[in-house]
Amino acid sequence: MWRNLWRTISRESQLAKIKYTESYLKRAKKFVKRHPELIGQYEKTLQLLELNPFHPSLRLHKLKGHLSEIYSVSINISYRITLEFIIEDDVIIPINVGSHREVY
């Protein structure tokens, strides 16, 4: 269902907007400092997220349990970005970035 809503909105405006919060920017800065070898993959993931949040390589999925309002995309096999979709405004808000254990 959420995928259909996003497609409807995406037809009207070509790109989603990523809205970075102060807390996410702090987390991202720490992530990049700890993992400088992943900067290219991390930037590519964010660019692709803006262009097409449903691109298969992102492996977008909704989380379950106490994180059921949050989605996750993959940077690579080991690292993720958790995020919120605000469908009405075509906005994606990153929440956290890190390893599977760190973000869940």
PDB file of N, CA and C in Angstrom:
ATOM      1  N   MET A   1       0.821  -1.190   0.000  1.00  0.00           N
ATOM      2  CA  MET A   1       0.000   0.000   0.000  1.00  0.00           C
ATOM      3  C   MET A   1       0.870   1.261   0.000  1.00  0.00           C
ATOM      4  N   TRP A   2       1.858   1.357   0.896  1.00  0.00           N
ATOM      5  CA  TRP A   2       2.709   2.547   0.974  1.00  0.00           C
ATOM      6  C   TRP A   2       3.463   2.768  -0.309  1.00  0.00           C
ATOM      7  N   ARG A   3       3.805   1.697  -1.013  1.00  0.00           N
ATOM      8  CA  ARG A   3       4.520   1.837  -2.280  1.00  0.00           C
ATOM      9  C   ARG A   3       3.625   2.517  -3.320  1.00  0.00           C
ATOM     10  N   ASN A   4       2.356   2.160  -3.354  1.00  0.00           N
ATOM     11  CA  ASN A   4       1.422   2.777  -4.300  1.00  0.00           C
ATOM     12  C   ASN A   4       1.229   4.261  -3.987  1.00  0.00           C
ATOM     13  N   LEU A   5       1.142   4.604  -2.708  1.00  0.00           N
ATOM     14  CA  LEU A   5       1.013   6.012  -2.333  1.00  0.00           C
ATOM     15  C   LEU A   5       2.228   6.807  -2.807  1.00  0.00           C
ATOM     16  N   TRP A   6       3.409   6.259  -2.594  1.00  0.00           N
ATOM     17  CA  TRP A   6       4.632   6.958  -2.991  1.00  0.00           C
ATOM     18  C   TRP A   6       4.696   7.124  -4.509  1.00  0.00           C
ATOM     19  N   ARG A   7       4.311   6.098  -5.249  1.00  0.00           N
ATOM     20  CA  ARG A   7       4.334   6.197  -6.715  1.00  0.00           C
ATOM     21  C   ARG A   7       3.382   7.275  -7.206  1.00  0.00           C
ATOM     22  N   THR A   8       2.213   7.367  -6.587  1.00  0.00           N
ATOM     23  CA  THR A   8       1.247   8.396  -6.973  1.00  0.00           C
ATOM     24  C   THR A   8       1.848   9.783  -6.777  1.00  0.00           C
ATOM     25  N   ILE A   9       2.448  10.007  -5.632  1.00  0.00           N
ATOM     26  CA  ILE A   9       3.043  11.308  -5.344  1.00  0.00           C
ATOM     27  C   ILE A   9       4.251  11.553  -6.237  1.00  0.00           C
ATOM     28  N   SER A  10       5.053  10.530  -6.466  1.00  0.00           N
ATOM     29  CA  SER A  10       6.266  10.683  -7.266  1.00  0.00           C
ATOM     30  C   SER A  10       5.956  11.043  -8.714  1.00  0.00           C
ATOM     31  N   ARG A  11       4.808  10.652  -9.219  1.00  0.00           N
ATOM     32  CA  ARG A  11       4.437  11.038 -10.586  1.00  0.00           C
ATOM     33  C   ARG A  11       4.244  12.546 -10.684  1.00  0.00           C
ATOM     34  N   GLU A  12       3.744  13.145  -9.621  1.00  0.00           N
ATOM     35  CA  GLU A  12       3.490  14.576  -9.625  1.00  0.00           C
ATOM     36  C   GLU A  12       4.779  15.384  -9.491  1.00  0.00           C
ATOM     37  N   SER A  13       5.686  14.951  -8.670  1.00  0.00           N
ATOM     38  CA  SER A  13       6.971  15.638  -8.523  1.00  0.00           C
ATOM     39  C   SER A  13       8.072  14.605  -8.716  1.00  0.00           C
ATOM     40  N   GLN A  14       9.019  14.905  -9.556  1.00  0.00           N
ATOM     41  CA  GLN A  14      10.008  13.945  -9.977  1.00  0.00           C
ATOM     42  C   GLN A  14      10.899  13.422  -8.860  1.00  0.00           C
ATOM     43  N   LEU A  15      11.310  14.260  -7.929  1.00  0.00           N
ATOM     44  CA  LEU A  15      12.274  13.830  -6.929  1.00  0.00           C
ATOM     45  C   LEU A  15      11.721  13.966  -5.524  1.00  0.00           C
ATOM     46  N   ALA A  16      12.152  13.053  -4.678  1.00  0.00           N
ATOM     47  CA  ALA A  16      11.871  13.189  -3.258  1.00  0.00           C
ATOM     48  C   ALA A  16      12.887  14.167  -2.686  1.00  0.00           C
ATOM     49  N   LYS A  17      12.548  14.749  -1.562  1.00  0.00           N
ATOM     50  CA  LYS A  17      13.477  15.650  -0.889  1.00  0.00           C
ATOM     51  C   LYS A  17      13.955  14.969   0.387  1.00  0.00           C
ATOM     52  N   ILE A  18      15.261  15.020   0.609  1.00  0.00           N
ATOM     53  CA  ILE A  18      15.795  14.512   1.865  1.00  0.00           C
ATOM     54  C   ILE A  18      15.964  15.696   2.804  1.00  0.00           C
ATOM     55  N   LYS A  19      15.361  15.577   3.979  1.00  0.00           N
ATOM     56  CA  LYS A  19      15.455  16.624   4.991  1.00  0.00           C
ATOM     57  C   LYS A  19      16.355  16.101   6.108  1.00  0.00           C
ATOM     58  N   TYR A  20      17.509  16.725   6.263  1.00  0.00           N
ATOM     59  CA  TYR A  20      18.489  16.289   7.246  1.00  0.00           C
ATOM     60  C   TYR A  20      18.273  17.013   8.576  1.00  0.00           C
ATOM     61  N   THR A  21      18.120  16.249   9.633  1.00  0.00           N
ATOM     62  CA  THR A  21      18.001  16.828  10.971  1.00  0.00           C
ATOM     63  C   THR A  21      19.397  16.997  11.568  1.00  0.00           C
ATOM     64  N   GLU A  22      19.498  17.839  12.577  1.00  0.00           N
ATOM     65  CA  GLU A  22      20.785  18.039  13.261  1.00  0.00           C
ATOM     66  C   GLU A  22      21.297  16.731  13.845  1.00  0.00           C
ATOM     67  N   SER A  23      20.400  15.956  14.456  1.00  0.00           N
ATOM     68  CA  SER A  23      20.829  14.703  15.082  1.00  0.00           C
ATOM     69  C   SER A  23      21.337  13.714  14.032  1.00  0.00           C
ATOM     70  N   TYR A  24      20.671  13.667  12.867  1.00  0.00           N
ATOM     71  CA  TYR A  24      21.161  12.771  11.821  1.00  0.00           C
ATOM     72  C   TYR A  24      22.524  13.230  11.308  1.00  0.00           C
ATOM     73  N   LEU A  25      22.708  14.514  11.104  1.00  0.00           N
ATOM     74  CA  LEU A  25      23.982  15.013  10.600  1.00  0.00           C
ATOM     75  C   LEU A  25      25.131  14.673  11.557  1.00  0.00           C
ATOM     76  N   LYS A  26      24.874  14.721  12.863  1.00  0.00           N
ATOM     77  CA  LYS A  26      25.892  14.325  13.843  1.00  0.00           C
ATOM     78  C   LYS A  26      26.222  12.839  13.694  1.00  0.00           C
ATOM     79  N   ARG A  27      25.183  12.024  13.564  1.00  0.00           N
ATOM     80  CA  ARG A  27      25.402  10.579  13.401  1.00  0.00           C
ATOM     81  C   ARG A  27      26.142  10.282  12.104  1.00  0.00           C
ATOM     82  N   ALA A  28      25.754  10.968  11.035  1.00  0.00           N
ATOM     83  CA  ALA A  28      26.397  10.744   9.738  1.00  0.00           C
ATOM     84  C   ALA A  28      27.869  11.147   9.775  1.00  0.00           C
ATOM     85  N   LYS A  29      28.166  12.243  10.448  1.00  0.00           N
ATOM     86  CA  LYS A  29      29.553  12.700  10.566  1.00  0.00           C
ATOM     87  C   LYS A  29      30.396  11.652  11.293  1.00  0.00           C
ATOM     88  N   LYS A  30      29.866  11.094  12.381  1.00  0.00           N
ATOM     89  CA  LYS A  30      30.576  10.035  13.107  1.00  0.00           C
ATOM     90  C   LYS A  30      30.747   8.793  12.239  1.00  0.00           C
ATOM     91  N   PHE A  31      29.692   8.444  11.494  1.00  0.00           N
ATOM     92  CA  PHE A  31      29.743   7.267  10.625  1.00  0.00           C
ATOM     93  C   PHE A  31      30.853   7.409   9.582  1.00  0.00           C
ATOM     94  N   VAL A  32      30.904   8.560   8.921  1.00  0.00           N
ATOM     95  CA  VAL A  32      31.904   8.799   7.874  1.00  0.00           C
ATOM     96  C   VAL A  32      33.315   8.823   8.469  1.00  0.00           C
ATOM     97  N   LYS A  33      33.436   9.375   9.663  1.00  0.00           N
ATOM     98  CA  LYS A  33      34.742   9.408  10.321  1.00  0.00           C
ATOM     99  C   LYS A  33      35.229   7.987  10.650  1.00  0.00           C
ATOM    100  N   ARG A  34      34.315   7.129  11.092  1.00  0.00           N
ATOM    101  CA  ARG A  34      34.666   5.745  11.431  1.00  0.00           C
ATOM    102  C   ARG A  34      34.863   4.868  10.203  1.00  0.00           C
ATOM    103  N   HIS A  35      34.183   5.230   9.100  1.00  0.00           N
ATOM    104  CA  HIS A  35      34.195   4.388   7.897  1.00  0.00           C
ATOM    105  C   HIS A  35      34.482   5.213   6.636  1.00  0.00           C
ATOM    106  N   PRO A  36      35.646   5.826   6.529  1.00  0.00           N
ATOM    107  CA  PRO A  36      35.942   6.659   5.359  1.00  0.00           C
ATOM    108  C   PRO A  36      35.927   5.876   4.044  1.00  0.00           C
ATOM    109  N   GLU A  37      36.139   4.578   4.125  1.00  0.00           N
ATOM    110  CA  GLU A  37      36.110   3.741   2.922  1.00  0.00           C
ATOM    111  C   GLU A  37      34.708   3.596   2.330  1.00  0.00           C
ATOM    112  N   LEU A  38      33.683   3.995   3.087  1.00  0.00           N
ATOM    113  CA  LEU A  38      32.288   3.862   2.632  1.00  0.00           C
ATOM    114  C   LEU A  38      31.688   5.165   2.126  1.00  0.00           C
ATOM    115  N   ILE A  39      32.476   6.232   2.084  1.00  0.00           N
ATOM    116  CA  ILE A  39      31.929   7.537   1.678  1.00  0.00           C
ATOM    117  C   ILE A  39      31.267   7.464   0.307  1.00  0.00           C
ATOM    118  N   GLY A  40      31.907   6.852  -0.655  1.00  0.00           N
ATOM    119  CA  GLY A  40      31.335   6.749  -2.006  1.00  0.00           C
ATOM    120  C   GLY A  40      30.014   6.001  -2.018  1.00  0.00           C
ATOM    121  N   GLN A  41      29.973   4.851  -1.344  1.00  0.00           N
ATOM    122  CA  GLN A  41      28.734   4.069  -1.292  1.00  0.00           C
ATOM    123  C   GLN A  41      27.632   4.827  -0.551  1.00  0.00           C
ATOM    124  N   TYR A  42      28.005   5.510   0.521  1.00  0.00           N
ATOM    125  CA  TYR A  42      27.040   6.277   1.309  1.00  0.00           C
ATOM    126  C   TYR A  42      26.436   7.404   0.466  1.00  0.00           C
ATOM    127  N   GLU A  43      27.282   8.159  -0.228  1.00  0.00           N
ATOM    128  CA  GLU A  43      26.779   9.246  -1.079  1.00  0.00           C
ATOM    129  C   GLU A  43      25.906   8.715  -2.205  1.00  0.00           C
ATOM    130  N   LYS A  44      26.312   7.610  -2.811  1.00  0.00           N
ATOM    131  CA  LYS A  44      25.516   7.010  -3.891  1.00  0.00           C
ATOM    132  C   LYS A  44      24.141   6.578  -3.373  1.00  0.00           C
ATOM    133  N   THR A  45      24.104   6.024  -2.173  1.00  0.00           N
ATOM    134  CA  THR A  45      22.833   5.602  -1.574  1.00  0.00           C
ATOM    135  C   THR A  45      21.900   6.788  -1.383  1.00  0.00           C
ATOM    136  N   LEU A  46      22.420   7.892  -0.867  1.00  0.00           N
ATOM    137  CA  LEU A  46      21.586   9.085  -0.658  1.00  0.00           C
ATOM    138  C   LEU A  46      21.095   9.662  -1.987  1.00  0.00           C
ATOM    139  N   GLN A  47      21.950   9.687  -2.995  1.00  0.00           N
ATOM    140  CA  GLN A  47      21.537  10.199  -4.307  1.00  0.00           C
ATOM    141  C   GLN A  47      20.443   9.329  -4.912  1.00  0.00           C
ATOM    142  N   LEU A  48      20.624   8.029  -4.828  1.00  0.00           N
ATOM    143  CA  LEU A  48      19.632   7.108  -5.375  1.00  0.00           C
ATOM    144  C   LEU A  48      18.316   7.200  -4.604  1.00  0.00           C
ATOM    145  N   LEU A  49      18.415   7.407  -3.311  1.00  0.00           N
ATOM    146  CA  LEU A  49      17.214   7.560  -2.484  1.00  0.00           C
ATOM    147  C   LEU A  49      16.383   8.748  -2.945  1.00  0.00           C
ATOM    148  N   GLU A  50      17.039   9.836  -3.318  1.00  0.00           N
ATOM    149  CA  GLU A  50      16.317  11.005  -3.827  1.00  0.00           C
ATOM    150  C   GLU A  50      15.713  10.740  -5.206  1.00  0.00           C
ATOM    151  N   LEU A  51      16.463  10.062  -6.059  1.00  0.00           N
ATOM    152  CA  LEU A  51      15.997   9.819  -7.426  1.00  0.00           C
ATOM    153  C   LEU A  51      14.900   8.762  -7.497  1.00  0.00           C
ATOM    154  N   ASN A  52      15.079   7.665  -6.757  1.00  0.00           N
ATOM    155  CA  ASN A  52      14.137   6.563  -6.817  1.00  0.00           C
ATOM    156  C   ASN A  52      14.222   5.751  -5.528  1.00  0.00           C
ATOM    157  N   PRO A  53      13.421   6.080  -4.516  1.00  0.00           N
ATOM    158  CA  PRO A  53      13.497   5.367  -3.236  1.00  0.00           C
ATOM    159  C   PRO A  53      13.231   3.871  -3.349  1.00  0.00           C
ATOM    160  N   PHE A  54      12.619   3.445  -4.454  1.00  0.00           N
ATOM    161  CA  PHE A  54      12.280   2.030  -4.609  1.00  0.00           C
ATOM    162  C   PHE A  54      13.251   1.278  -5.507  1.00  0.00           C
ATOM    163  N   HIS A  55      14.386   1.874  -5.808  1.00  0.00           N
ATOM    164  CA  HIS A  55      15.383   1.176  -6.621  1.00  0.00           C
ATOM    165  C   HIS A  55      15.761  -0.123  -5.901  1.00  0.00           C
ATOM    166  N   PRO A  56      15.816  -1.243  -6.627  1.00  0.00           N
ATOM    167  CA  PRO A  56      16.077  -2.540  -5.986  1.00  0.00           C
ATOM    168  C   PRO A  56      17.377  -2.596  -5.178  1.00  0.00           C
ATOM    169  N   SER A  57      18.391  -1.869  -5.582  1.00  0.00           N
ATOM    170  CA  SER A  57      19.661  -1.947  -4.856  1.00  0.00           C
ATOM    171  C   SER A  57      19.583  -1.336  -3.459  1.00  0.00           C
ATOM    172  N   LEU A  58      18.585  -0.498  -3.195  1.00  0.00           N
ATOM    173  CA  LEU A  58      18.419   0.093  -1.864  1.00  0.00           C
ATOM    174  C   LEU A  58      17.805  -0.899  -0.868  1.00  0.00           C
ATOM    175  N   ARG A  59      17.087  -1.884  -1.391  1.00  0.00           N
ATOM    176  CA  ARG A  59      16.414  -2.876  -0.550  1.00  0.00           C
ATOM    177  C   ARG A  59      15.560  -2.212   0.542  1.00  0.00           C
ATOM    178  N   LEU A  60      14.758  -1.244   0.109  1.00  0.00           N
ATOM    179  CA  LEU A  60      13.865  -0.524   1.016  1.00  0.00           C
ATOM    180  C   LEU A  60      12.879  -1.490   1.656  1.00  0.00           C
ATOM    181  N   HIS A  61      12.726  -1.398   2.958  1.00  0.00           N
ATOM    182  CA  HIS A  61      11.705  -2.188   3.637  1.00  0.00           C
ATOM    183  C   HIS A  61      11.270  -1.485   4.914  1.00  0.00           C
ATOM    184  N   LYS A  62      10.016  -1.736   5.274  1.00  0.00           N
ATOM    185  CA  LYS A  62       9.459  -1.183   6.506  1.00  0.00           C
ATOM    186  C   LYS A  62       9.856  -2.101   7.654  1.00  0.00           C
ATOM    187  N   LEU A  63      10.226  -1.502   8.769  1.00  0.00           N
ATOM    188  CA  LEU A  63      10.630  -2.280   9.929  1.00  0.00           C
ATOM    189  C   LEU A  63       9.406  -2.739  10.710  1.00  0.00           C
ATOM    190  N   LYS A  64       9.633  -3.637  11.655  1.00  0.00           N
ATOM    191  CA  LYS A  64       8.532  -4.202  12.444  1.00  0.00           C
ATOM    192  C   LYS A  64       8.748  -3.924  13.925  1.00  0.00           C
ATOM    193  N   GLY A  65       7.743  -4.257  14.706  1.00  0.00           N
ATOM    194  CA  GLY A  65       7.848  -4.108  16.152  1.00  0.00           C
ATOM    195  C   GLY A  65       7.854  -2.659  16.584  1.00  0.00           C
ATOM    196  N   HIS A  66       8.714  -2.322  17.546  1.00  0.00           N
ATOM    197  CA  HIS A  66       8.735  -0.954  18.081  1.00  0.00           C
ATOM    198  C   HIS A  66       9.274   0.058  17.065  1.00  0.00           C
ATOM    199  N   LEU A  67       9.827  -0.407  15.944  1.00  0.00           N
ATOM    200  CA  LEU A  67      10.313   0.483  14.874  1.00  0.00           C
ATOM    201  C   LEU A  67       9.381   0.474  13.662  1.00  0.00           C
ATOM    202  N   SER A  68       8.132   0.113  13.859  1.00  0.00           N
ATOM    203  CA  SER A  68       7.206  -0.120  12.742  1.00  0.00           C
ATOM    204  C   SER A  68       6.862   1.125  11.920  1.00  0.00           C
ATOM    205  N   GLU A  69       7.184   2.305  12.398  1.00  0.00           N
ATOM    206  CA  GLU A  69       6.935   3.528  11.626  1.00  0.00           C
ATOM    207  C   GLU A  69       8.161   3.957  10.826  1.00  0.00           C
ATOM    208  N   ILE A  70       9.205   3.150  10.853  1.00  0.00           N
ATOM    209  CA  ILE A  70      10.472   3.506  10.236  1.00  0.00           C
ATOM    210  C   ILE A  70      10.797   2.530   9.102  1.00  0.00           C
ATOM    211  N   TYR A  71      11.512   3.030   8.105  1.00  0.00           N
ATOM    212  CA  TYR A  71      11.963   2.235   6.970  1.00  0.00           C
ATOM    213  C   TYR A  71      13.479   2.128   7.006  1.00  0.00           C
ATOM    214  N   SER A  72      14.013   1.207   6.229  1.00  0.00           N
ATOM    215  CA  SER A  72      15.451   1.037   6.156  1.00  0.00           C
ATOM    216  C   SER A  72      15.866   0.851   4.707  1.00  0.00           C
ATOM    217  N   VAL A  73      17.026   1.394   4.354  1.00  0.00           N
ATOM    218  CA  VAL A  73      17.655   1.142   3.057  1.00  0.00           C
ATOM    219  C   VAL A  73      19.087   0.689   3.315  1.00  0.00           C
ATOM    220  N   SER A  74      19.638  -0.040   2.368  1.00  0.00           N
ATOM    221  CA  SER A  74      20.983  -0.578   2.522  1.00  0.00           C
ATOM    222  C   SER A  74      22.018   0.287   1.830  1.00  0.00           C
ATOM    223  N   ILE A  75      23.114   0.532   2.533  1.00  0.00           N
ATOM    224  CA  ILE A  75      24.295   1.128   1.913  1.00  0.00           C
ATOM    225  C   ILE A  75      25.091   0.002   1.256  1.00  0.00           C
ATOM    226  N   ASN A  76      25.262  -1.080   1.989  1.00  0.00           N
ATOM    227  CA  ASN A  76      25.850  -2.320   1.479  1.00  0.00           C
ATOM    228  C   ASN A  76      25.338  -3.447   2.362  1.00  0.00           C
ATOM    229  N   ILE A  77      25.945  -4.603   2.284  1.00  0.00           N
ATOM    230  CA  ILE A  77      25.452  -5.755   3.035  1.00  0.00           C
ATOM    231  C   ILE A  77      25.494  -5.538   4.551  1.00  0.00           C
ATOM    232  N   SER A  78      26.411  -4.707   5.029  1.00  0.00           N
ATOM    233  CA  SER A  78      26.600  -4.539   6.468  1.00  0.00           C
ATOM    234  C   SER A  78      26.018  -3.266   7.057  1.00  0.00           C
ATOM    235  N   TYR A  79      25.785  -2.243   6.248  1.00  0.00           N
ATOM    236  CA  TYR A  79      25.400  -0.931   6.777  1.00  0.00           C
ATOM    237  C   TYR A  79      24.072  -0.459   6.206  1.00  0.00           C
ATOM    238  N   ARG A  80      23.307   0.256   7.053  1.00  0.00           N
ATOM    239  CA  ARG A  80      21.957   0.701   6.719  1.00  0.00           C
ATOM    240  C   ARG A  80      21.768   2.182   7.053  1.00  0.00           C
ATOM    241  N   ILE A  81      20.741   2.745   6.430  1.00  0.00           N
ATOM    242  CA  ILE A  81      20.214   4.047   6.826  1.00  0.00           C
ATOM    243  C   ILE A  81      18.764   3.806   7.204  1.00  0.00           C
ATOM    244  N   THR A  82      18.375   4.197   8.407  1.00  0.00           N
ATOM    245  CA  THR A  82      16.963   4.132   8.767  1.00  0.00           C
ATOM    246  C   THR A  82      16.353   5.496   8.481  1.00  0.00           C
ATOM    247  N   LEU A  83      15.071   5.508   8.107  1.00  0.00           N
ATOM    248  CA  LEU A  83      14.453   6.762   7.688  1.00  0.00           C
ATOM    249  C   LEU A  83      12.953   6.756   7.874  1.00  0.00           C
ATOM    250  N   GLU A  84      12.389   7.941   7.798  1.00  0.00           N
ATOM    251  CA  GLU A  84      10.946   8.145   7.811  1.00  0.00           C
ATOM    252  C   GLU A  84      10.521   8.635   6.436  1.00  0.00           C
ATOM    253  N   PHE A  85       9.360   8.180   5.986  1.00  0.00           N
ATOM    254  CA  PHE A  85       8.740   8.759   4.803  1.00  0.00           C
ATOM    255  C   PHE A  85       7.621   9.660   5.283  1.00  0.00           C
ATOM    256  N   ILE A  86       7.600  10.885   4.824  1.00  0.00           N
ATOM    257  CA  ILE A  86       6.445  11.751   5.051  1.00  0.00           C
ATOM    258  C   ILE A  86       5.810  11.911   3.673  1.00  0.00           C
ATOM    259  N   ILE A  87       4.840  11.081   3.422  1.00  0.00           N
ATOM    260  CA  ILE A  87       4.276  10.922   2.093  1.00  0.00           C
ATOM    261  C   ILE A  87       3.671  12.212   1.553  1.00  0.00           C
ATOM    262  N   GLU A  88       2.963  12.959   2.392  1.00  0.00           N
ATOM    263  CA  GLU A  88       2.238  14.129   1.893  1.00  0.00           C
ATOM    264  C   GLU A  88       3.153  15.152   1.228  1.00  0.00           C
ATOM    265  N   ASP A  89       4.346  15.291   1.736  1.00  0.00           N
ATOM    266  CA  ASP A  89       5.238  16.333   1.232  1.00  0.00           C
ATOM    267  C   ASP A  89       6.390  15.792   0.402  1.00  0.00           C
ATOM    268  N   ASP A  90       6.366  14.493   0.057  1.00  0.00           N
ATOM    269  CA  ASP A  90       7.474  13.899  -0.701  1.00  0.00           C
ATOM    270  C   ASP A  90       8.805  14.090   0.011  1.00  0.00           C
ATOM    271  N   VAL A  91       8.799  13.913   1.325  1.00  0.00           N
ATOM    272  CA  VAL A  91      10.000  14.156   2.126  1.00  0.00           C
ATOM    273  C   VAL A  91      10.487  12.844   2.729  1.00  0.00           C
ATOM    274  N   ILE A  92      11.794  12.664   2.710  1.00  0.00           N
ATOM    275  CA  ILE A  92      12.438  11.539   3.362  1.00  0.00           C
ATOM    276  C   ILE A  92      13.321  12.133   4.460  1.00  0.00           C
ATOM    277  N   ILE A  93      13.165  11.635   5.671  1.00  0.00           N
ATOM    278  CA  ILE A  93      13.953  12.140   6.792  1.00  0.00           C
ATOM    279  C   ILE A  93      14.844  11.009   7.304  1.00  0.00           C
ATOM    280  N   PRO A  94      16.151  11.070   7.033  1.00  0.00           N
ATOM    281  CA  PRO A  94      17.042  10.053   7.585  1.00  0.00           C
ATOM    282  C   PRO A  94      17.083  10.174   9.106  1.00  0.00           C
ATOM    283  N   ILE A  95      17.132   9.035   9.782  1.00  0.00           N
ATOM    284  CA  ILE A  95      17.139   9.016  11.237  1.00  0.00           C
ATOM    285  C   ILE A  95      18.496   8.564  11.772  1.00  0.00           C
ATOM    286  N   ASN A  96      19.032   7.502  11.180  1.00  0.00           N
ATOM    287  CA  ASN A  96      20.272   6.943  11.696  1.00  0.00           C
ATOM    288  C   ASN A  96      21.035   6.262  10.567  1.00  0.00           C
ATOM    289  N   VAL A  97      22.328   6.102  10.746  1.00  0.00           N
ATOM    290  CA  VAL A  97      23.175   5.404   9.789  1.00  0.00           C
ATOM    291  C   VAL A  97      24.166   4.584  10.585  1.00  0.00           C
ATOM    292  N   GLY A  98      24.390   3.349  10.157  1.00  0.00           N
ATOM    293  CA  GLY A  98      25.341   2.507  10.860  1.00  0.00           C
ATOM    294  C   GLY A  98      25.152   1.057  10.498  1.00  0.00           C
ATOM    295  N   SER A  99      25.783   0.197  11.293  1.00  0.00           N
ATOM    296  CA  SER A  99      25.669  -1.242  11.059  1.00  0.00           C
ATOM    297  C   SER A  99      24.268  -1.705  11.448  1.00  0.00           C
ATOM    298  N   HIS A 100      23.943  -2.908  11.065  1.00  0.00           N
ATOM    299  CA  HIS A 100      22.653  -3.493  11.379  1.00  0.00           C
ATOM    300  C   HIS A 100      22.388  -3.401  12.881  1.00  0.00           C
ATOM    301  N   ARG A 101      23.349  -3.761  13.680  1.00  0.00           N
ATOM    302  CA  ARG A 101      23.201  -3.741  15.138  1.00  0.00           C
ATOM    303  C   ARG A 101      23.030  -2.319  15.670  1.00  0.00           C
ATOM    304  N   GLU A 102      23.719  -1.359  15.089  1.00  0.00           N
ATOM    305  CA  GLU A 102      23.665   0.015  15.573  1.00  0.00           C
ATOM    306  C   GLU A 102      22.342   0.721  15.290  1.00  0.00           C
ATOM    307  N   VAL A 103      21.753   0.461  14.147  1.00  0.00           N
ATOM    308  CA  VAL A 103      20.544   1.211  13.775  1.00  0.00           C
ATOM    309  C   VAL A 103      19.247   0.539  14.227  1.00  0.00           C
ATOM    310  N   TYR A 104      19.297  -0.737  14.552  1.00  0.00           N
ATOM    311  CA  TYR A 104      18.091  -1.413  15.025  1.00  0.00           C
ATOM    312  C   TYR A 104      18.204  -1.583  16.501  1.00  0.00           C
TER     313      TYR A 104
END
